Amino acid sequence: MPAFNSSLSLGSPRFSDTRLAELAGVQGPLAAWHEAVTRDARQAGASVTGDFAVGLHLPDGRSFMAVDRFAIQTLCYRVVDGQLRFAARADDLADASTEIDPQAIFDYLYFHVIPSPRTIFKGIYRLPPAHNALFENGQIAVAPYWVPGFEERRNPSFDALKDEFRQLLQESVKSQLDGSKPACFLSGGTDSST
């Protein structure tokens, strides 16, 4: 089994808190995550957008993990000898004695995917979308930090909704551009036709 780092930060988290955004810009995302977890570990991911996965072993002996709202970045974990280990991939946590989970094989054949929190391996789990986990005193508590809300408007104006949709689309594309030459794959589906 490979050596495990005490911290892992993947993706491009965007901190809405001004202090955390500045800290991330100067010292990097891990420093901002440490600050956010110190403030309130259970809600540390709630004000962060973008794609991210983070795992931290804290000085007080606790460990914290979180993934973005749609699990664009993934984070897998297992507990070994009372210690939490985490990695971006489940196979990075497996060793020669790790068994394949027969239910995961069934899920894959039936659903064409292994739904989280299960992975192909017994005892190795994937953090679900918009969830964080706090590991302390040998126990792990996994909970959502964000739940999508859908409220249908009464008598919506088609023109207003059309303008809002175009604005949201422009903002989301703009936020993903990093200065390199943009490109896309056109499949003819909803994304491509939009």
C-alpha atoms as a PDB file:
ATOM      1  CA  MET A   1       0.000   0.000   0.000  1.00  0.00           C
ATOM      2  CA  PRO A   2       1.398   3.438  -0.887  1.00  0.00           C
ATOM      3  CA  ALA A   3       2.351   6.045   1.675  1.00  0.00           C
ATOM      4  CA  PHE A   4      -0.487   8.406   2.564  1.00  0.00           C
ATOM      5  CA  ASN A   5      -0.227  12.167   2.739  1.00  0.00           C
ATOM      6  CA  SER A   6      -1.775  14.108   5.566  1.00  0.00           C
ATOM      7  CA  SER A   7      -3.542  16.423   3.103  1.00  0.00           C
ATOM      8  CA  LEU A   8      -5.096  16.156  -0.338  1.00  0.00           C
ATOM      9  CA  SER A   9      -6.717  18.918  -2.390  1.00  0.00           C
ATOM     10  CA  LEU A  10      -7.990  18.284  -5.906  1.00  0.00           C
ATOM     11  CA  GLY A  11      -9.786  20.447  -8.430  1.00  0.00           C
ATOM     12  CA  SER A  12     -10.488  24.154  -8.408  1.00  0.00           C
ATOM     13  CA  PRO A  13     -12.418  25.193  -5.314  1.00  0.00           C
ATOM     14  CA  ARG A  14     -13.874  28.709  -5.337  1.00  0.00           C
ATOM     15  CA  PHE A  15     -14.326  30.119  -1.843  1.00  0.00           C
ATOM     16  CA  SER A  16     -17.174  32.639  -1.531  1.00  0.00           C
ATOM     17  CA  ASP A  17     -15.847  33.894   1.822  1.00  0.00           C
ATOM     18  CA  THR A  18     -13.498  36.811   1.043  1.00  0.00           C
ATOM     19  CA  ARG A  19     -10.944  35.859   3.721  1.00  0.00           C
ATOM     20  CA  LEU A  20     -10.799  32.251   2.515  1.00  0.00           C
ATOM     21  CA  ALA A  21     -10.541  33.319  -1.143  1.00  0.00           C
ATOM     22  CA  GLU A  22      -7.604  35.603  -0.308  1.00  0.00           C
ATOM     23  CA  LEU A  23      -5.944  32.864   1.736  1.00  0.00           C
ATOM     24  CA  ALA A  24      -6.372  30.393  -1.146  1.00  0.00           C
ATOM     25  CA  GLY A  25      -4.857  32.926  -3.561  1.00  0.00           C
ATOM     26  CA  VAL A  26      -1.823  33.580  -1.375  1.00  0.00           C
ATOM     27  CA  GLN A  27      -1.150  30.258   0.382  1.00  0.00           C
ATOM     28  CA  GLY A  28      -3.144  27.823  -1.738  1.00  0.00           C
ATOM     29  CA  PRO A  29      -6.429  25.955  -1.325  1.00  0.00           C
ATOM     30  CA  LEU A  30      -5.176  23.721   1.502  1.00  0.00           C
ATOM     31  CA  ALA A  31      -4.577  26.734   3.754  1.00  0.00           C
ATOM     32  CA  ALA A  32      -8.087  27.989   3.011  1.00  0.00           C
ATOM     33  CA  TRP A  33      -9.563  24.554   3.725  1.00  0.00           C
ATOM     34  CA  HIS A  34      -7.705  24.372   7.051  1.00  0.00           C
ATOM     35  CA  GLU A  35      -9.153  27.757   8.017  1.00  0.00           C
ATOM     36  CA  ALA A  36     -12.677  26.771   6.935  1.00  0.00           C
ATOM     37  CA  VAL A  37     -12.538  23.499   8.869  1.00  0.00           C
ATOM     38  CA  THR A  38     -11.205  25.268  11.949  1.00  0.00           C
ATOM     39  CA  ARG A  39     -14.198  27.640  11.825  1.00  0.00           C
ATOM     40  CA  ASP A  40     -16.893  24.985  11.314  1.00  0.00           C
ATOM     41  CA  ALA A  41     -15.965  21.548  10.016  1.00  0.00           C
ATOM     42  CA  ARG A  42     -19.550  20.456   9.404  1.00  0.00           C
ATOM     43  CA  GLN A  43     -20.275  23.419   7.096  1.00  0.00           C
ATOM     44  CA  ALA A  44     -16.818  23.972   5.598  1.00  0.00           C
ATOM     45  CA  GLY A  45     -17.927  22.931   2.112  1.00  0.00           C
ATOM     46  CA  ALA A  46     -21.215  24.842   2.076  1.00  0.00           C
ATOM     47  CA  SER A  47     -19.751  28.132   0.837  1.00  0.00           C
ATOM     48  CA  VAL A  48     -17.363  26.568  -1.667  1.00  0.00           C
ATOM     49  CA  THR A  49     -18.262  26.084  -5.317  1.00  0.00           C
ATOM     50  CA  GLY A  50     -16.399  24.646  -8.274  1.00  0.00           C
ATOM     51  CA  ASP A  51     -15.016  21.157  -8.550  1.00  0.00           C
ATOM     52  CA  PHE A  52     -13.079  19.942  -5.528  1.00  0.00           C
ATOM     53  CA  ALA A  53     -12.166  17.076  -3.277  1.00  0.00           C
ATOM     54  CA  VAL A  54     -10.313  17.673  -0.041  1.00  0.00           C
ATOM     55  CA  GLY A  55      -8.969  15.446   2.688  1.00  0.00           C
ATOM     56  CA  LEU A  56      -7.170  16.763   5.754  1.00  0.00           C
ATOM     57  CA  HIS A  57      -5.640  15.150   8.809  1.00  0.00           C
ATOM     58  CA  LEU A  58      -5.866  17.895  11.407  1.00  0.00           C
ATOM     59  CA  PRO A  59      -3.376  18.580  14.240  1.00  0.00           C
ATOM     60  CA  ASP A  60      -6.049  17.812  16.865  1.00  0.00           C
ATOM     61  CA  GLY A  61      -6.324  14.206  15.606  1.00  0.00           C
ATOM     62  CA  ARG A  62      -9.523  14.655  13.622  1.00  0.00           C
ATOM     63  CA  SER A  63      -9.760  14.171   9.866  1.00  0.00           C
ATOM     64  CA  PHE A  64     -11.979  16.024   7.411  1.00  0.00           C
ATOM     65  CA  MET A  65     -13.076  15.204   3.857  1.00  0.00           C
ATOM     66  CA  ALA A  66     -15.448  16.872   1.384  1.00  0.00           C
ATOM     67  CA  VAL A  67     -16.336  16.665  -2.299  1.00  0.00           C
ATOM     68  CA  ASP A  68     -18.043  19.158  -4.576  1.00  0.00           C
ATOM     69  CA  ARG A  69     -21.773  19.337  -5.104  1.00  0.00           C
ATOM     70  CA  PHE A  70     -21.813  16.942  -8.063  1.00  0.00           C
ATOM     71  CA  ALA A  71     -18.741  14.840  -7.211  1.00  0.00           C
ATOM     72  CA  ILE A  72     -16.855  15.986 -10.281  1.00  0.00           C
ATOM     73  CA  GLN A  73     -13.774  15.247  -8.193  1.00  0.00           C
ATOM     74  CA  THR A  74     -13.931  12.019  -6.222  1.00  0.00           C
ATOM     75  CA  LEU A  75     -12.566  11.038  -2.864  1.00  0.00           C
ATOM     76  CA  CYS A  76     -12.411   7.494  -1.557  1.00  0.00           C
ATOM     77  CA  TYR A  77     -11.643   6.423   1.989  1.00  0.00           C
ATOM     78  CA  ARG A  78     -11.181   3.486   4.313  1.00  0.00           C
ATOM     79  CA  VAL A  79     -10.394   3.009   7.974  1.00  0.00           C
ATOM     80  CA  VAL A  80      -7.343   0.830   8.702  1.00  0.00           C
ATOM     81  CA  ASP A  81      -6.246   0.119  12.282  1.00  0.00           C
ATOM     82  CA  GLY A  82      -8.324   3.043  13.556  1.00  0.00           C
ATOM     83  CA  GLN A  83      -6.757   5.457  11.061  1.00  0.00           C
ATOM     84  CA  LEU A  84      -8.571   7.162   8.191  1.00  0.00           C
ATOM     85  CA  ARG A  85      -6.915   6.903   4.795  1.00  0.00           C
ATOM     86  CA  PHE A  86      -8.140   8.730   1.717  1.00  0.00           C
ATOM     87  CA  ALA A  87      -7.207   8.974  -1.953  1.00  0.00           C
ATOM     88  CA  ALA A  88      -8.692  10.113  -5.244  1.00  0.00           C
ATOM     89  CA  ARG A  89      -9.144   6.501  -6.384  1.00  0.00           C
ATOM     90  CA  ALA A  90     -10.364   3.382  -4.597  1.00  0.00           C
ATOM     91  CA  ASP A  91      -7.577   1.221  -6.035  1.00  0.00           C
ATOM     92  CA  ASP A  92      -5.002   3.497  -4.367  1.00  0.00           C
ATOM     93  CA  LEU A  93      -6.420   2.372  -1.008  1.00  0.00           C
ATOM     94  CA  ALA A  94      -6.637  -1.337  -1.814  1.00  0.00           C
ATOM     95  CA  ASP A  95      -3.982  -3.860  -0.883  1.00  0.00           C
ATOM     96  CA  ALA A  96      -3.446  -7.558  -1.610  1.00  0.00           C
ATOM     97  CA  SER A  97      -5.975  -8.592   1.042  1.00  0.00           C
ATOM     98  CA  THR A  98      -8.763  -6.264  -0.127  1.00  0.00           C
ATOM     99  CA  GLU A  99     -11.747  -8.216  -1.426  1.00  0.00           C
ATOM    100  CA  ILE A 100     -13.967  -7.361  -4.379  1.00  0.00           C
ATOM    101  CA  ASP A 101     -17.534  -6.542  -3.302  1.00  0.00           C
ATOM    102  CA  PRO A 102     -20.038  -8.842  -5.093  1.00  0.00           C
ATOM    103  CA  GLN A 103     -22.848  -6.292  -4.569  1.00  0.00           C
ATOM    104  CA  ALA A 104     -20.737  -3.698  -6.394  1.00  0.00           C
ATOM    105  CA  ILE A 105     -20.419  -6.036  -9.372  1.00  0.00           C
ATOM    106  CA  PHE A 106     -24.189  -6.549  -9.378  1.00  0.00           C
ATOM    107  CA  ASP A 107     -24.730  -2.775  -9.144  1.00  0.00           C
ATOM    108  CA  TYR A 108     -22.380  -2.200 -12.068  1.00  0.00           C
ATOM    109  CA  LEU A 109     -24.078  -4.797 -14.250  1.00  0.00           C
ATOM    110  CA  TYR A 110     -27.557  -3.555 -13.321  1.00  0.00           C
ATOM    111  CA  PHE A 111     -27.044   0.235 -13.175  1.00  0.00           C
ATOM    112  CA  HIS A 112     -23.913   0.514 -15.408  1.00  0.00           C
ATOM    113  CA  VAL A 113     -22.297   2.326 -12.478  1.00  0.00           C
ATOM    114  CA  ILE A 114     -21.413   1.634  -8.858  1.00  0.00           C
ATOM    115  CA  PRO A 115     -23.393   4.230  -6.886  1.00  0.00           C
ATOM    116  CA  SER A 116     -21.612   5.965  -4.029  1.00  0.00           C
ATOM    117  CA  PRO A 117     -20.808   5.346  -1.264  1.00  0.00           C
ATOM    118  CA  ARG A 118     -19.939   1.856  -2.523  1.00  0.00           C
ATOM    119  CA  THR A 119     -16.798   1.109  -4.560  1.00  0.00           C
ATOM    120  CA  ILE A 120     -15.681  -2.129  -6.219  1.00  0.00           C
ATOM    121  CA  PHE A 121     -13.799  -3.011  -3.001  1.00  0.00           C
ATOM    122  CA  LYS A 122     -15.221  -4.127   0.331  1.00  0.00           C
ATOM    123  CA  GLY A 123     -14.475  -1.637   3.084  1.00  0.00           C
ATOM    124  CA  ILE A 124     -13.468   1.176   0.718  1.00  0.00           C
ATOM    125  CA  TYR A 125     -16.055   3.891   0.226  1.00  0.00           C
ATOM    126  CA  ARG A 126     -16.551   6.934  -1.993  1.00  0.00           C
ATOM    127  CA  LEU A 127     -17.802  10.179  -0.485  1.00  0.00           C
ATOM    128  CA  PRO A 128     -21.172  11.029  -2.078  1.00  0.00           C
ATOM    129  CA  PRO A 129     -21.734  14.348  -3.897  1.00  0.00           C
ATOM    130  CA  ALA A 130     -22.176  17.431  -1.654  1.00  0.00           C
ATOM    131  CA  HIS A 131     -21.104  15.502   1.426  1.00  0.00           C
ATOM    132  CA  ASN A 132     -18.393  15.954   3.966  1.00  0.00           C
ATOM    133  CA  ALA A 133     -17.033  13.574   6.551  1.00  0.00           C
ATOM    134  CA  LEU A 134     -15.531  14.142   9.946  1.00  0.00           C
ATOM    135  CA  PHE A 135     -13.464  11.366  11.500  1.00  0.00           C
ATOM    136  CA  GLU A 136     -12.852  11.616  15.228  1.00  0.00           C
ATOM    137  CA  ASN A 137     -12.398   9.128  18.059  1.00  0.00           C
ATOM    138  CA  GLY A 138     -12.342   6.242  15.576  1.00  0.00           C
ATOM    139  CA  GLN A 139     -15.801   7.102  14.190  1.00  0.00           C
ATOM    140  CA  ILE A 140     -16.684   8.624  10.852  1.00  0.00           C
ATOM    141  CA  ALA A 141     -19.728  10.849  10.379  1.00  0.00           C
ATOM    142  CA  VAL A 142     -20.735  11.434   6.759  1.00  0.00           C
ATOM    143  CA  ALA A 143     -23.375  14.111   6.148  1.00  0.00           C
ATOM    144  CA  PRO A 144     -24.592  16.398   3.355  1.00  0.00           C
ATOM    145  CA  TYR A 145     -23.488  20.019   3.521  1.00  0.00           C
ATOM    146  CA  TRP A 146     -25.737  21.042   0.599  1.00  0.00           C
ATOM    147  CA  VAL A 147     -29.093  19.817  -0.679  1.00  0.00           C
ATOM    148  CA  PRO A 148     -30.439  21.187  -3.967  1.00  0.00           C
ATOM    149  CA  GLY A 149     -33.688  23.093  -3.737  1.00  0.00           C
ATOM    150  CA  PHE A 150     -36.181  23.301  -6.548  1.00  0.00           C
ATOM    151  CA  GLU A 151     -38.998  25.813  -6.354  1.00  0.00           C
ATOM    152  CA  GLU A 152     -41.222  26.155  -9.378  1.00  0.00           C
ATOM    153  CA  ARG A 153     -42.216  29.740 -10.112  1.00  0.00           C
ATOM    154  CA  ARG A 154     -45.889  30.566 -10.460  1.00  0.00           C
ATOM    155  CA  ASN A 155     -46.814  32.070 -13.833  1.00  0.00           C
ATOM    156  CA  PRO A 156     -43.245  32.502 -15.060  1.00  0.00           C
ATOM    157  CA  SER A 157     -42.489  34.840 -17.926  1.00  0.00           C
ATOM    158  CA  PHE A 158     -40.976  32.929 -20.828  1.00  0.00           C
ATOM    159  CA  ASP A 159     -38.918  35.939 -21.934  1.00  0.00           C
ATOM    160  CA  ALA A 160     -37.571  36.521 -18.423  1.00  0.00           C
ATOM    161  CA  LEU A 161     -36.675  32.821 -18.052  1.00  0.00           C
ATOM    162  CA  LYS A 162     -35.018  32.832 -21.473  1.00  0.00           C
ATOM    163  CA  ASP A 163     -32.878  35.846 -20.500  1.00  0.00           C
ATOM    164  CA  GLU A 164     -32.012  34.264 -17.140  1.00  0.00           C
ATOM    165  CA  PHE A 165     -31.015  30.999 -18.827  1.00  0.00           C
ATOM    166  CA  ARG A 166     -28.752  32.779 -21.313  1.00  0.00           C
ATOM    167  CA  GLN A 167     -27.129  34.800 -18.519  1.00  0.00           C
ATOM    168  CA  LEU A 168     -26.510  31.673 -16.408  1.00  0.00           C
ATOM    169  CA  LEU A 169     -25.090  29.861 -19.431  1.00  0.00           C
ATOM    170  CA  GLN A 170     -22.714  32.742 -20.246  1.00  0.00           C
ATOM    171  CA  GLU A 171     -21.575  33.011 -16.612  1.00  0.00           C
ATOM    172  CA  SER A 172     -20.973  29.261 -16.276  1.00  0.00           C
ATOM    173  CA  VAL A 173     -18.956  29.087 -19.500  1.00  0.00           C
ATOM    174  CA  LYS A 174     -16.970  32.192 -18.518  1.00  0.00           C
ATOM    175  CA  SER A 175     -16.162  30.722 -15.096  1.00  0.00           C
ATOM    176  CA  GLN A 176     -14.735  27.591 -16.729  1.00  0.00           C
ATOM    177  CA  LEU A 177     -12.451  29.383 -19.195  1.00  0.00           C
ATOM    178  CA  ASP A 178      -8.873  29.505 -17.953  1.00  0.00           C
ATOM    179  CA  GLY A 179      -7.273  31.528 -20.747  1.00  0.00           C
ATOM    180  CA  SER A 180      -6.424  28.549 -22.940  1.00  0.00           C
ATOM    181  CA  LYS A 181      -8.094  27.935 -26.293  1.00  0.00           C
ATOM    182  CA  PRO A 182     -11.611  26.594 -25.627  1.00  0.00           C
ATOM    183  CA  ALA A 183     -12.901  23.495 -27.373  1.00  0.00           C
ATOM    184  CA  CYS A 184     -15.802  21.097 -27.055  1.00  0.00           C
ATOM    185  CA  PHE A 185     -17.090  17.782 -28.286  1.00  0.00           C
ATOM    186  CA  LEU A 186     -20.444  18.012 -30.037  1.00  0.00           C
ATOM    187  CA  SER A 187     -22.634  14.962 -29.556  1.00  0.00           C
ATOM    188  CA  GLY A 188     -25.946  16.444 -30.666  1.00  0.00           C
ATOM    189  CA  GLY A 189     -27.355  16.203 -27.131  1.00  0.00           C
ATOM    190  CA  THR A 190     -28.668  18.947 -24.874  1.00  0.00           C
ATOM    191  CA  ASP A 191     -25.239  20.428 -24.125  1.00  0.00           C
ATOM    192  CA  SER A 192     -24.214  20.543 -27.768  1.00  0.00           C
ATOM    193  CA  SER A 193     -27.479  21.974 -29.038  1.00  0.00           C
ATOM    194  CA  THR A 194     -27.401  24.663 -26.331  1.00  0.00           C
END
